[in-house]
Amino acid sequence: MKKPSSRIREEIARLQDQLKQAETREAERIGRIALKANLGNIEIDEAELQAAFEDIAKRFRGGKGAAIGKKDLGDGRTASASSATQSPGSDAGASSEA
């Protein structure tokens, strides 16, 4: 049975709202983690920071370093969180827009 276009539009609007809510939850989670790692105090270009996050995503999506993140450092961070920060002046690589 085919749905009328009005019902499809309603579903699209509902799904867009769900997507927005999910993205907000994810952004808040990443933001809390970044603040715990003291990234809020670091003066860094957004493109460099995005490139660093993309490197972290590749590392974990590729299956490398997954065991490292399981060790607790005792302050709410994992070992991977401390290794993800870069020293000032280190090259974060190229990035698209922030």
PDB file of N, CA and C in Angstrom:
ATOM      1  N   MET A   1       0.837  -1.171   0.000  1.00  0.00           N
ATOM      2  CA  MET A   1       0.000   0.000   0.000  1.00  0.00           C
ATOM      3  C   MET A   1       0.891   1.246   0.000  1.00  0.00           C
ATOM      4  N   LYS A   2       0.586   2.181  -0.849  1.00  0.00           N
ATOM      5  CA  LYS A   2       1.384   3.392  -0.956  1.00  0.00           C
ATOM      6  C   LYS A   2       0.914   4.418   0.058  1.00  0.00           C
ATOM      7  N   LYS A   3       1.897   5.170   0.567  1.00  0.00           N
ATOM      8  CA  LYS A   3       1.582   6.223   1.532  1.00  0.00           C
ATOM      9  C   LYS A   3       1.369   7.529   0.782  1.00  0.00           C
ATOM     10  N   PRO A   4       0.456   8.348   1.282  1.00  0.00           N
ATOM     11  CA  PRO A   4       0.296   9.670   0.672  1.00  0.00           C
ATOM     12  C   PRO A   4       1.521  10.544   0.986  1.00  0.00           C
ATOM     13  N   SER A   5       1.773  11.509   0.118  1.00  0.00           N
ATOM     14  CA  SER A   5       2.952  12.351   0.270  1.00  0.00           C
ATOM     15  C   SER A   5       2.949  13.109   1.596  1.00  0.00           C
ATOM     16  N   SER A   6       1.778  13.470   2.087  1.00  0.00           N
ATOM     17  CA  SER A   6       1.714  14.197   3.364  1.00  0.00           C
ATOM     18  C   SER A   6       2.237  13.334   4.516  1.00  0.00           C
ATOM     19  N   ARG A   7       1.918  12.056   4.490  1.00  0.00           N
ATOM     20  CA  ARG A   7       2.395  11.152   5.543  1.00  0.00           C
ATOM     21  C   ARG A   7       3.907  10.969   5.436  1.00  0.00           C
ATOM     22  N   ILE A   8       4.415  10.870   4.228  1.00  0.00           N
ATOM     23  CA  ILE A   8       5.864  10.736   4.022  1.00  0.00           C
ATOM     24  C   ILE A   8       6.576  11.985   4.535  1.00  0.00           C
ATOM     25  N   ARG A   9       6.018  13.174   4.255  1.00  0.00           N
ATOM     26  CA  ARG A   9       6.601  14.430   4.742  1.00  0.00           C
ATOM     27  C   ARG A   9       6.623  14.463   6.268  1.00  0.00           C
ATOM     28  N   GLU A  10       5.534  13.981   6.880  1.00  0.00           N
ATOM     29  CA  GLU A  10       5.473  13.925   8.349  1.00  0.00           C
ATOM     30  C   GLU A  10       6.559  13.004   8.897  1.00  0.00           C
ATOM     31  N   GLU A  11       6.743  11.862   8.256  1.00  0.00           N
ATOM     32  CA  GLU A  11       7.785  10.930   8.688  1.00  0.00           C
ATOM     33  C   GLU A  11       9.172  11.538   8.530  1.00  0.00           C
ATOM     34  N   ILE A  12       9.393  12.236   7.415  1.00  0.00           N
ATOM     35  CA  ILE A  12      10.685  12.885   7.177  1.00  0.00           C
ATOM     36  C   ILE A  12      10.942  13.923   8.263  1.00  0.00           C
ATOM     37  N   ALA A  13       9.934  14.732   8.585  1.00  0.00           N
ATOM     38  CA  ALA A  13      10.084  15.759   9.624  1.00  0.00           C
ATOM     39  C   ALA A  13      10.396  15.109  10.971  1.00  0.00           C
ATOM     40  N   ARG A  14       9.704  14.011  11.278  1.00  0.00           N
ATOM     41  CA  ARG A  14       9.940  13.309  12.537  1.00  0.00           C
ATOM     42  C   ARG A  14      11.356  12.736  12.581  1.00  0.00           C
ATOM     43  N   LEU A  15      11.786  12.144  11.480  1.00  0.00           N
ATOM     44  CA  LEU A  15      13.129  11.579  11.413  1.00  0.00           C
ATOM     45  C   LEU A  15      14.208  12.662  11.482  1.00  0.00           C
ATOM     46  N   GLN A  16      13.944  13.817  10.854  1.00  0.00           N
ATOM     47  CA  GLN A  16      14.902  14.920  10.941  1.00  0.00           C
ATOM     48  C   GLN A  16      15.034  15.405  12.379  1.00  0.00           C
ATOM     49  N   ASP A  17      13.922  15.445  13.103  1.00  0.00           N
ATOM     50  CA  ASP A  17      13.961  15.831  14.511  1.00  0.00           C
ATOM     51  C   ASP A  17      14.739  14.804  15.330  1.00  0.00           C
ATOM     52  N   GLN A  18      14.519  13.528  15.070  1.00  0.00           N
ATOM     53  CA  GLN A  18      15.264  12.479  15.766  1.00  0.00           C
ATOM     54  C   GLN A  18      16.752  12.578  15.470  1.00  0.00           C
ATOM     55  N   LEU A  19      17.104  12.870  14.214  1.00  0.00           N
ATOM     56  CA  LEU A  19      18.499  13.024  13.825  1.00  0.00           C
ATOM     57  C   LEU A  19      19.134  14.190  14.569  1.00  0.00           C
ATOM     58  N   LYS A  20      18.421  15.311  14.629  1.00  0.00           N
ATOM     59  CA  LYS A  20      18.934  16.484  15.324  1.00  0.00           C
ATOM     60  C   LYS A  20      19.170  16.172  16.805  1.00  0.00           C
ATOM     61  N   GLN A  21      18.245  15.475  17.437  1.00  0.00           N
ATOM     62  CA  GLN A  21      18.388  15.106  18.847  1.00  0.00           C
ATOM     63  C   GLN A  21      19.577  14.165  19.048  1.00  0.00           C
ATOM     64  N   ALA A  22      19.737  13.200  18.150  1.00  0.00           N
ATOM     65  CA  ALA A  22      20.851  12.259  18.256  1.00  0.00           C
ATOM     66  C   ALA A  22      22.186  12.975  18.075  1.00  0.00           C
ATOM     67  N   GLU A  23      22.250  13.894  17.101  1.00  0.00           N
ATOM     68  CA  GLU A  23      23.484  14.649  16.879  1.00  0.00           C
ATOM     69  C   GLU A  23      23.812  15.519  18.086  1.00  0.00           C
ATOM     70  N   THR A  24      22.795  16.091  18.720  1.00  0.00           N
ATOM     71  CA  THR A  24      23.009  16.917  19.909  1.00  0.00           C
ATOM     72  C   THR A  24      23.561  16.073  21.050  1.00  0.00           C
ATOM     73  N   ARG A  25      22.978  14.885  21.251  1.00  0.00           N
ATOM     74  CA  ARG A  25      23.494  13.986  22.307  1.00  0.00           C
ATOM     75  C   ARG A  25      24.941  13.613  22.046  1.00  0.00           C
ATOM     76  N   GLU A  26      25.254  13.267  20.789  1.00  0.00           N
ATOM     77  CA  GLU A  26      26.616  12.878  20.435  1.00  0.00           C
ATOM     78  C   GLU A  26      27.589  14.039  20.625  1.00  0.00           C
ATOM     79  N   ALA A  27      27.179  15.237  20.221  1.00  0.00           N
ATOM     80  CA  ALA A  27      28.037  16.411  20.364  1.00  0.00           C
ATOM     81  C   ALA A  27      28.288  16.719  21.835  1.00  0.00           C
ATOM     82  N   GLU A  28      27.258  16.603  22.658  1.00  0.00           N
ATOM     83  CA  GLU A  28      27.429  16.848  24.091  1.00  0.00           C
ATOM     84  C   GLU A  28      28.362  15.817  24.710  1.00  0.00           C
ATOM     85  N   ARG A  29      28.243  14.573  24.294  1.00  0.00           N
ATOM     86  CA  ARG A  29      29.120  13.520  24.818  1.00  0.00           C
ATOM     87  C   ARG A  29      30.577  13.790  24.448  1.00  0.00           C
ATOM     88  N   ILE A  30      30.824  14.082  23.183  1.00  0.00           N
ATOM     89  CA  ILE A  30      32.194  14.370  22.734  1.00  0.00           C
ATOM     90  C   ILE A  30      32.708  15.632  23.421  1.00  0.00           C
ATOM     91  N   GLY A  31      31.851  16.634  23.574  1.00  0.00           N
ATOM     92  CA  GLY A  31      32.246  17.864  24.247  1.00  0.00           C
ATOM     93  C   GLY A  31      32.647  17.625  25.691  1.00  0.00           C
ATOM     94  N   ARG A  32      31.878  16.807  26.406  1.00  0.00           N
ATOM     95  CA  ARG A  32      32.230  16.490  27.805  1.00  0.00           C
ATOM     96  C   ARG A  32      33.575  15.785  27.877  1.00  0.00           C
ATOM     97  N   ILE A  33      33.800  14.854  26.961  1.00  0.00           N
ATOM     98  CA  ILE A  33      35.068  14.125  26.944  1.00  0.00           C
ATOM     99  C   ILE A  33      36.215  15.078  26.626  1.00  0.00           C
ATOM    100  N   ALA A  34      36.019  15.966  25.669  1.00  0.00           N
ATOM    101  CA  ALA A  34      37.055  16.936  25.300  1.00  0.00           C
ATOM    102  C   ALA A  34      37.376  17.853  26.474  1.00  0.00           C
ATOM    103  N   LEU A  35      36.357  18.277  27.214  1.00  0.00           N
ATOM    104  CA  LEU A  35      36.599  19.135  28.372  1.00  0.00           C
ATOM    105  C   LEU A  35      37.350  18.388  29.471  1.00  0.00           C
ATOM    106  N   LYS A  36      37.023  17.119  29.676  1.00  0.00           N
ATOM    107  CA  LYS A  36      37.741  16.322  30.671  1.00  0.00           C
ATOM    108  C   LYS A  36      39.208  16.178  30.294  1.00  0.00           C
ATOM    109  N   ALA A  37      39.489  16.178  28.994  1.00  0.00           N
ATOM    110  CA  ALA A  37      40.868  16.071  28.514  1.00  0.00           C
ATOM    111  C   ALA A  37      41.531  17.446  28.413  1.00  0.00           C
ATOM    112  N   ASN A  38      40.876  18.478  28.933  1.00  0.00           N
ATOM    113  CA  ASN A  38      41.374  19.860  28.932  1.00  0.00           C
ATOM    114  C   ASN A  38      41.571  20.429  27.532  1.00  0.00           C
ATOM    115  N   LEU A  39      40.795  19.988  26.577  1.00  0.00           N
ATOM    116  CA  LEU A  39      40.895  20.539  25.226  1.00  0.00           C
ATOM    117  C   LEU A  39      40.239  21.908  25.115  1.00  0.00           C
ATOM    118  N   GLY A  40      39.401  22.260  26.071  1.00  0.00           N
ATOM    119  CA  GLY A  40      38.746  23.559  26.031  1.00  0.00           C
ATOM    120  C   GLY A  40      39.701  24.711  26.248  1.00  0.00           C
ATOM    121  N   ASN A  41      40.833  24.441  26.878  1.00  0.00           N
ATOM    122  CA  ASN A  41      41.805  25.483  27.199  1.00  0.00           C
ATOM    123  C   ASN A  41      42.888  25.625  26.149  1.00  0.00           C
ATOM    124  N   ILE A  42      42.896  24.767  25.155  1.00  0.00           N
ATOM    125  CA  ILE A  42      43.963  24.770  24.162  1.00  0.00           C
ATOM    126  C   ILE A  42      43.591  25.698  23.014  1.00  0.00           C
ATOM    127  N   GLU A  43      44.522  26.577  22.669  1.00  0.00           N
ATOM    128  CA  GLU A  43      44.329  27.463  21.505  1.00  0.00           C
ATOM    129  C   GLU A  43      44.739  26.668  20.272  1.00  0.00           C
ATOM    130  N   ILE A  44      43.753  26.251  19.485  1.00  0.00           N
ATOM    131  CA  ILE A  44      44.030  25.457  18.294  1.00  0.00           C
ATOM    132  C   ILE A  44      43.015  25.807  17.219  1.00  0.00           C
ATOM    133  N   ASP A  45      43.461  25.847  16.015  1.00  0.00           N
ATOM    134  CA  ASP A  45      42.593  26.109  14.879  1.00  0.00           C
ATOM    135  C   ASP A  45      41.578  24.974  14.756  1.00  0.00           C
ATOM    136  N   GLU A  46      40.341  25.301  14.425  1.00  0.00           N
ATOM    137  CA  GLU A  46      39.303  24.272  14.326  1.00  0.00           C
ATOM    138  C   GLU A  46      39.637  23.215  13.285  1.00  0.00           C
ATOM    139  N   ALA A  47      40.279  23.616  12.193  1.00  0.00           N
ATOM    140  CA  ALA A  47      40.643  22.653  11.154  1.00  0.00           C
ATOM    141  C   ALA A  47      41.654  21.645  11.695  1.00  0.00           C
ATOM    142  N   GLU A  48      42.613  22.120  12.494  1.00  0.00           N
ATOM    143  CA  GLU A  48      43.596  21.210  13.091  1.00  0.00           C
ATOM    144  C   GLU A  48      42.937  20.272  14.084  1.00  0.00           C
ATOM    145  N   LEU A  49      42.014  20.824  14.878  1.00  0.00           N
ATOM    146  CA  LEU A  49      41.321  19.996  15.866  1.00  0.00           C
ATOM    147  C   LEU A  49      40.452  18.953  15.174  1.00  0.00           C
ATOM    148  N   GLN A  50      39.778  19.356  14.098  1.00  0.00           N
ATOM    149  CA  GLN A  50      38.968  18.390  13.354  1.00  0.00           C
ATOM    150  C   GLN A  50      39.849  17.296  12.764  1.00  0.00           C
ATOM    151  N   ALA A  51      41.015  17.664  12.236  1.00  0.00           N
ATOM    152  CA  ALA A  51      41.926  16.671  11.671  1.00  0.00           C
ATOM    153  C   ALA A  51      42.376  15.690  12.747  1.00  0.00           C
ATOM    154  N   ALA A  52      42.635  16.199  13.952  1.00  0.00           N
ATOM    155  CA  ALA A  52      43.035  15.316  15.046  1.00  0.00           C
ATOM    156  C   ALA A  52      41.902  14.356  15.405  1.00  0.00           C
ATOM    157  N   PHE A  53      40.665  14.866  15.446  1.00  0.00           N
ATOM    158  CA  PHE A  53      39.521  13.996  15.719  1.00  0.00           C
ATOM    159  C   PHE A  53      39.340  12.963  14.607  1.00  0.00           C
ATOM    160  N   GLU A  54      39.558  13.356  13.367  1.00  0.00           N
ATOM    161  CA  GLU A  54      39.454  12.411  12.255  1.00  0.00           C
ATOM    162  C   GLU A  54      40.507  11.319  12.370  1.00  0.00           C
ATOM    163  N   ASP A  55      41.716  11.680  12.804  1.00  0.00           N
ATOM    164  CA  ASP A  55      42.765  10.674  13.025  1.00  0.00           C
ATOM    165  C   ASP A  55      42.352   9.694  14.113  1.00  0.00           C
ATOM    166  N   ILE A  56      41.757  10.218  15.178  1.00  0.00           N
ATOM    167  CA  ILE A  56      41.288   9.351  16.264  1.00  0.00           C
ATOM    168  C   ILE A  56      40.200   8.416  15.746  1.00  0.00           C
ATOM    169  N   ALA A  57      39.273   8.951  14.959  1.00  0.00           N
ATOM    170  CA  ALA A  57      38.189   8.124  14.416  1.00  0.00           C
ATOM    171  C   ALA A  57      38.747   7.017  13.534  1.00  0.00           C
ATOM    172  N   LYS A  58      39.719   7.341  12.677  1.00  0.00           N
ATOM    173  CA  LYS A  58      40.338   6.327  11.815  1.00  0.00           C
ATOM    174  C   LYS A  58      41.001   5.243  12.659  1.00  0.00           C
ATOM    175  N   ARG A  59      41.677   5.673  13.705  1.00  0.00           N
ATOM    176  CA  ARG A  59      42.386   4.730  14.574  1.00  0.00           C
ATOM    177  C   ARG A  59      41.427   3.709  15.179  1.00  0.00           C
ATOM    178  N   PHE A  60      40.285   4.187  15.660  1.00  0.00           N
ATOM    179  CA  PHE A  60      39.351   3.274  16.307  1.00  0.00           C
ATOM    180  C   PHE A  60      38.477   2.524  15.311  1.00  0.00           C
ATOM    181  N   ARG A  61      38.156   3.127  14.191  1.00  0.00           N
ATOM    182  CA  ARG A  61      37.386   2.403  13.176  1.00  0.00           C
ATOM    183  C   ARG A  61      38.218   1.325  12.520  1.00  0.00           C
ATOM    184  N   GLY A  62      39.514   1.547  12.441  1.00  0.00           N
ATOM    185  CA  GLY A  62      40.403   0.566  11.832  1.00  0.00           C
ATOM    186  C   GLY A  62      40.730  -0.588  12.749  1.00  0.00           C
ATOM    187  N   GLY A  63      40.271  -0.516  14.001  1.00  0.00           N
ATOM    188  CA  GLY A  63      40.519  -1.594  14.945  1.00  0.00           C
ATOM    189  C   GLY A  63      41.848  -1.476  15.652  1.00  0.00           C
ATOM    190  N   LYS A  64      42.644  -0.459  15.320  1.00  0.00           N
ATOM    191  CA  LYS A  64      43.932  -0.282  15.982  1.00  0.00           C
ATOM    192  C   LYS A  64      43.732   0.521  17.251  1.00  0.00           C
ATOM    193  N   GLY A  65      44.403   0.112  18.313  1.00  0.00           N
ATOM    194  CA  GLY A  65      44.392   0.876  19.549  1.00  0.00           C
ATOM    195  C   GLY A  65      43.163   0.670  20.410  1.00  0.00           C
ATOM    196  N   ALA A  66      42.281  -0.241  20.048  1.00  0.00           N
ATOM    197  CA  ALA A  66      41.074  -0.435  20.826  1.00  0.00           C
ATOM    198  C   ALA A  66      41.385  -0.925  22.231  1.00  0.00           C
ATOM    199  N   ALA A  67      42.408  -1.759  22.390  1.00  0.00           N
ATOM    200  CA  ALA A  67      42.752  -2.273  23.707  1.00  0.00           C
ATOM    201  C   ALA A  67      43.351  -1.189  24.584  1.00  0.00           C
ATOM    202  N   ILE A  68      43.980  -0.185  23.999  1.00  0.00           N
ATOM    203  CA  ILE A  68      44.598   0.884  24.772  1.00  0.00           C
ATOM    204  C   ILE A  68      43.546   1.651  25.558  1.00  0.00           C
ATOM    205  N   GLY A  69      42.396   1.890  24.976  1.00  0.00           N
ATOM    206  CA  GLY A  69      41.361   2.685  25.593  1.00  0.00           C
ATOM    207  C   GLY A  69      40.716   2.055  26.804  1.00  0.00           C
ATOM    208  N   LYS A  70      41.027   0.814  27.120  1.00  0.00           N
ATOM    209  CA  LYS A  70      40.388   0.133  28.229  1.00  0.00           C
ATOM    210  C   LYS A  70      41.070   0.394  29.565  1.00  0.00           C
ATOM    211  N   LYS A  71      42.289   0.881  29.554  1.00  0.00           N
ATOM    212  CA  LYS A  71      43.000   1.127  30.798  1.00  0.00           C
ATOM    213  C   LYS A  71      42.552   2.457  31.388  1.00  0.00           C
ATOM    214  N   ASP A  72      42.119   2.433  32.643  1.00  0.00           N
ATOM    215  CA  ASP A  72      41.639   3.640  33.305  1.00  0.00           C
ATOM    216  C   ASP A  72      42.804   4.350  33.975  1.00  0.00           C
ATOM    217  N   LEU A  73      42.900   5.665  33.766  1.00  0.00           N
ATOM    218  CA  LEU A  73      43.964   6.451  34.366  1.00  0.00           C
ATOM    219  C   LEU A  73      43.574   6.981  35.736  1.00  0.00           C
ATOM    220  N   GLY A  74      42.352   6.710  36.181  1.00  0.00           N
ATOM    221  CA  GLY A  74      41.935   7.099  37.510  1.00  0.00           C
ATOM    222  C   GLY A  74      41.278   8.471  37.585  1.00  0.00           C
ATOM    223  N   ASP A  75      41.328   9.276  36.551  1.00  0.00           N
ATOM    224  CA  ASP A  75      40.716  10.603  36.594  1.00  0.00           C
ATOM    225  C   ASP A  75      39.580  10.723  35.580  1.00  0.00           C
ATOM    226  N   GLY A  76      39.008   9.594  35.195  1.00  0.00           N
ATOM    227  CA  GLY A  76      37.896   9.621  34.264  1.00  0.00           C
ATOM    228  C   GLY A  76      38.321   9.532  32.818  1.00  0.00           C
ATOM    229  N   ARG A  77      39.629   9.575  32.565  1.00  0.00           N
ATOM    230  CA  ARG A  77      40.117   9.477  31.195  1.00  0.00           C
ATOM    231  C   ARG A  77      40.678   8.086  30.962  1.00  0.00           C
ATOM    232  N   THR A  78      40.735   7.698  29.710  1.00  0.00           N
ATOM    233  CA  THR A  78      41.388   6.451  29.355  1.00  0.00           C
ATOM    234  C   THR A  78      42.769   6.772  28.826  1.00  0.00           C
ATOM    235  N   ALA A  79      43.577   5.765  28.676  1.00  0.00           N
ATOM    236  CA  ALA A  79      44.930   5.975  28.163  1.00  0.00           C
ATOM    237  C   ALA A  79      44.895   6.576  26.771  1.00  0.00           C
ATOM    238  N   SER A  80      43.896   6.226  25.979  1.00  0.00           N
ATOM    239  CA  SER A  80      43.816   6.755  24.621  1.00  0.00           C
ATOM    240  C   SER A  80      43.501   8.239  24.619  1.00  0.00           C
ATOM    241  N   ALA A  81      42.772   8.724  25.632  1.00  0.00           N
ATOM    242  CA  ALA A  81      42.445  10.146  25.675  1.00  0.00           C
ATOM    243  C   ALA A  81      43.688  10.987  25.882  1.00  0.00           C
ATOM    244  N   SER A  82      44.615  10.503  26.714  1.00  0.00           N
ATOM    245  CA  SER A  82      45.824  11.277  26.939  1.00  0.00           C
ATOM    246  C   SER A  82      46.751  11.210  25.735  1.00  0.00           C
ATOM    247  N   SER A  83      46.734  10.106  25.005  1.00  0.00           N
ATOM    248  CA  SER A  83      47.600   9.995  23.834  1.00  0.00           C
ATOM    249  C   SER A  83      47.030  10.749  22.643  1.00  0.00           C
ATOM    250  N   ALA A  84      45.755  11.115  22.713  1.00  0.00           N
ATOM    251  CA  ALA A  84      45.118  11.804  21.598  1.00  0.00           C
ATOM    252  C   ALA A  84      45.468  13.283  21.562  1.00  0.00           C
ATOM    253  N   THR A  85      45.943  13.832  22.678  1.00  0.00           N
ATOM    254  CA  THR A  85      46.296  15.243  22.661  1.00  0.00           C
ATOM    255  C   THR A  85      47.639  15.420  21.993  1.00  0.00           C
ATOM    256  N   GLN A  86      47.819  16.596  21.391  1.00  0.00           N
ATOM    257  CA  GLN A  86      49.047  16.857  20.664  1.00  0.00           C
ATOM    258  C   GLN A  86      49.804  17.978  21.335  1.00  0.00           C
ATOM    259  N   SER A  87      51.107  17.929  21.217  1.00  0.00           N
ATOM    260  CA  SER A  87      51.905  19.019  21.751  1.00  0.00           C
ATOM    261  C   SER A  87      51.784  20.214  20.829  1.00  0.00           C
ATOM    262  N   PRO A  88      51.974  21.421  21.383  1.00  0.00           N
ATOM    263  CA  PRO A  88      51.874  22.615  20.541  1.00  0.00           C
ATOM    264  C   PRO A  88      52.865  22.550  19.388  1.00  0.00           C
ATOM    265  N   GLY A  89      52.411  22.937  18.227  1.00  0.00           N
ATOM    266  CA  GLY A  89      53.266  22.964  17.048  1.00  0.00           C
ATOM    267  C   GLY A  89      53.356  21.651  16.302  1.00  0.00           C
ATOM    268  N   SER A  90      52.727  20.596  16.829  1.00  0.00           N
ATOM    269  CA  SER A  90      52.786  19.341  16.098  1.00  0.00           C
ATOM    270  C   SER A  90      51.823  19.397  14.939  1.00  0.00           C
ATOM    271  N   ASP A  91      52.136  18.681  13.900  1.00  0.00           N
ATOM    272  CA  ASP A  91      51.356  18.726  12.669  1.00  0.00           C
ATOM    273  C   ASP A  91      50.155  17.809  12.813  1.00  0.00           C
ATOM    274  N   ALA A  92      48.945  18.369  12.726  1.00  0.00           N
ATOM    275  CA  ALA A  92      47.727  17.571  12.846  1.00  0.00           C
ATOM    276  C   ALA A  92      47.268  17.050  11.513  1.00  0.00           C
ATOM    277  N   GLY A  93      47.897  17.441  10.433  1.00  0.00           N
ATOM    278  CA  GLY A  93      47.513  16.966   9.112  1.00  0.00           C
ATOM    279  C   GLY A  93      46.507  17.887   8.465  1.00  0.00           C
ATOM    280  N   ALA A  94      46.186  17.591   7.234  1.00  0.00           N
ATOM    281  CA  ALA A  94      45.250  18.423   6.481  1.00  0.00           C
ATOM    282  C   ALA A  94      43.827  18.067   6.852  1.00  0.00           C
ATOM    283  N   SER A  95      42.933  18.988   6.608  1.00  0.00           N
ATOM    284  CA  SER A  95      41.543  18.753   6.942  1.00  0.00           C
ATOM    285  C   SER A  95      40.649  19.502   5.970  1.00  0.00           C
ATOM    286  N   SER A  96      39.419  19.052   5.917  1.00  0.00           N
ATOM    287  CA  SER A  96      38.423  19.812   5.173  1.00  0.00           C
ATOM    288  C   SER A  96      37.920  20.916   6.089  1.00  0.00           C
ATOM    289  N   GLU A  97      36.704  21.379   5.901  1.00  0.00           N
ATOM    290  CA  GLU A  97      36.244  22.473   6.740  1.00  0.00           C
ATOM    291  C   GLU A  97      35.880  22.003   8.128  1.00  0.00           C
ATOM    292  N   ALA A  98      35.873  22.915   9.094  1.00  0.00           N
ATOM    293  CA  ALA A  98      35.616  22.585  10.498  1.00  0.00           C
ATOM    294  C   ALA A  98      34.150  22.516  10.799  1.00  0.00           C
TER     295      ALA A  98
END
